[in-house]
Amino acid sequence: MALLITCPNCGSRAYTEFWFGGELPAPPPAPGAPVDASAEFGRVWYRRNVAGLQAERWFHFAGCRRWLTVQRDTRTNAVHAGD
């Protein structure tokens, strides 16, 4: 099995029990900072697609039906943390 995701409710499961929800966008600008509309669009819609650890959302559709956030290494598909 290539990718195991540990659900906090159901334990370690195959990735086929989950739906990929995408990479988490970069954090928003600090409160009160000037907002650049083009930068804000890019923050939400253009993903970094880094080689290494990235935060992702996964939906456990075949289990507890909850969303979780994991840190996945895109080079090895190893999941390092979850909530």
Protein backbone atom coordinates (compact mmCIF):
# COMPACT_ATOMS: atom_id res chain seq x y z
CA MET A 1 0.00 0.00 0.00
CA ALA A 2 1.58 3.26 -1.10
CA LEU A 3 -0.08 5.82 1.14
CA LEU A 4 -1.50 5.36 4.64
CA ILE A 5 -3.32 8.18 6.38
CA THR A 6 -3.96 8.06 10.12
CA CYS A 7 -7.44 9.29 10.92
CA PRO A 8 -7.73 10.55 14.52
CA ASN A 9 -11.09 8.77 14.81
CA CYS A 10 -10.59 5.55 12.82
CA GLY A 11 -6.84 4.88 12.93
CA SER A 12 -4.49 4.11 10.05
CA ARG A 13 -6.30 3.60 6.74
CA ALA A 14 -5.47 3.35 3.03
CA TYR A 15 -5.66 6.60 1.07
CA THR A 16 -8.44 5.07 -1.04
CA GLU A 17 -10.83 5.66 1.91
CA PHE A 18 -10.21 9.42 1.60
CA TRP A 19 -10.95 12.16 -0.90
CA PHE A 20 -8.14 14.63 -1.50
CA GLY A 21 -9.24 18.15 -0.57
CA GLY A 22 -6.20 19.97 -1.84
CA GLU A 23 -3.14 21.75 -0.57
CA LEU A 24 -3.76 24.35 2.10
CA PRO A 25 -3.21 27.88 0.83
CA ALA A 26 -0.50 30.12 2.23
CA PRO A 27 -1.49 32.00 5.38
CA PRO A 28 -3.39 35.28 4.93
CA PRO A 29 -1.66 38.64 5.31
CA ALA A 30 -1.38 40.19 8.77
CA PRO A 31 -4.40 42.17 10.00
CA GLY A 32 -4.23 45.78 8.90
CA ALA A 33 -1.69 45.08 6.14
CA PRO A 34 -2.52 46.50 2.70
CA VAL A 35 -4.26 43.94 0.47
CA ASP A 36 -3.00 43.37 -3.07
CA ALA A 37 -5.90 41.78 -4.99
CA SER A 38 -3.66 39.83 -7.40
CA ALA A 39 -1.53 38.47 -4.55
CA GLU A 40 -4.67 37.47 -2.63
CA PHE A 41 -6.02 35.63 -5.69
CA GLY A 42 -2.73 33.77 -6.04
CA ARG A 43 -2.66 32.89 -2.33
CA VAL A 44 -6.01 31.16 -2.62
CA TRP A 45 -5.91 29.62 -6.10
CA TYR A 46 -2.30 29.03 -7.14
CA ARG A 47 -0.75 26.21 -5.20
CA ARG A 48 2.94 26.07 -4.39
CA ASN A 49 3.28 22.34 -5.22
CA VAL A 50 6.52 22.11 -3.28
CA ALA A 51 8.87 19.14 -3.31
CA GLY A 52 8.80 18.23 0.37
CA LEU A 53 6.36 18.70 3.24
CA GLN A 54 3.07 20.36 2.46
CA ALA A 55 -0.15 20.72 4.44
CA GLU A 56 -3.15 19.06 2.81
CA ARG A 57 -6.82 18.44 3.58
CA TRP A 58 -8.36 14.96 3.23
CA PHE A 59 -11.99 13.88 3.72
CA HIS A 60 -12.57 10.43 5.23
CA PHE A 61 -15.63 9.51 3.16
CA ALA A 62 -15.43 5.73 3.83
CA GLY A 63 -15.06 6.13 7.58
CA CYS A 64 -16.03 8.85 10.04
CA ARG A 65 -16.86 11.37 7.27
CA ARG A 66 -14.67 14.11 8.75
CA TRP A 67 -12.03 16.40 7.30
CA LEU A 68 -8.46 16.18 8.53
CA THR A 69 -5.25 18.08 7.86
CA VAL A 70 -2.03 16.15 7.29
CA GLN A 71 1.59 17.00 6.52
CA ARG A 72 2.60 14.87 3.52
CA ASP A 73 6.04 14.63 1.94
CA THR A 74 5.32 14.94 -1.78
CA ARG A 75 8.61 13.22 -2.67
CA THR A 76 7.87 9.99 -0.76
CA ASN A 77 4.11 10.18 -0.01
CA ALA A 78 4.91 9.64 3.67
CA VAL A 79 2.32 11.24 5.95
CA HIS A 80 4.06 12.85 8.93
CA ALA A 81 1.23 14.33 11.00
CA GLY A 82 -2.50 14.64 11.17
CA ASP A 83 -5.21 16.22 13.27
